[in-house]
Amino acid sequence: MPVGDCAPCSPRCSPPVAWRCSPGSCSGAGAGAIGAYAVLFAVVLMAFSTIKPSNDRDWPPETARLAYATIDGDEVRLHNIRNFSYRSETDFTPAYYDRTFDLRQLTGVDLGASYWMGPAIAHLFVSFEFNATDHVAISIEARRARGEAYSSLQGFFRRFELIYVVADERDIIGLRTNFRHDPPEEVYLYRLTGPLQNGQRLFLEYLRKINSLREHPEFYNSLTTNCAGSIWMLSRVNPDHPPYSWKILLSGYAPEYLYEDGRVDTGVPFAELERRSHVNARARAAGETADFSQRIRAPLVARPLVHDP
């Protein structure tokens, strides 16, 4: 008998005859235990699969309203653009507005990166610029019910819904630079380069997802539908999208990856670009002024999107 196959039958134990195993009896018991565990796992998996996402929960004010878009040719009207007035991270006056954007007037796409736990992990978001003056930011987040705390571990197990927060930059950036202190967040804004058509396709792809989530809610997943992974998935609407990289998985390195791929300003070393792209001080100085978006971009090289030849 192989060692370990039936420990109670070991000569070293010398158990009474009543405890001795008949040939194959212990192997059968082991197989039965494995089978029981398999059944239990299947039951848990089936129960897990019955959990469905919902838009009808008790949401906190920050995520209570879902944005949506109405599209008429080149004109897009975005509804429920968040623009809260903050006194602190938890003390604010909710406010929303609607605005119409013309795809033909898209002039820029910027990547935002917010750091709070070292260089490897960042929350990424995208901001679209129209007429070089109007900006709308879209942040992909976990939609937590009132009273829920975010947990990356729980984010793997259908705990949170998925939300695309469409917001004024004074809200989405100003909240992070001016009011979040525990822990503090450091925000960087990188101006992307590339064909205008890529920016237009990306914007429309965002809108399609935003409208889809309003009708068909989905779960947030810490690995597959987090901010960085979702942005990369959306970017695949463009044929020349960047290939997947570990620097997308470790989202804090995504800006450096885009620099290496020539998708941001490469006229200066990356360390210098990173320094210029840090917006915290400029955002604090700008406050809630109407030209907030222009002021936080002051030292950044404007590289408008260009038409494909």
Foldseek 3Di string as FASTA:
>chain_A
DDPPQDVCQDPVNVDPPVPHDDPPPSVVVVVVVVVVVVVVVVVVVVVLVPDFDDLDAAFDPQFVDFKAWDDDPQKIKIWFAWDWADPALPDIDTDGDIDIAGLVQWWFKKKKWKDQPDLQATQIWMWTDGVNAAIKIKGKDWGAHPPDDDDLVCLARQHTWIGIRIYGCCPPVVNQLPHDVVPHMWMFMFIWEEASVLVSQLVVLVNVVSNCCVVGIGGGHSQCRGRLNVSQVSSVSDVPRDDDDVCSRSVSNVVVVCLVVVTTDVPDPPVVNRVLRTQNVQQNVCNPDSRSVCRSCVVPDRDTHHHDD
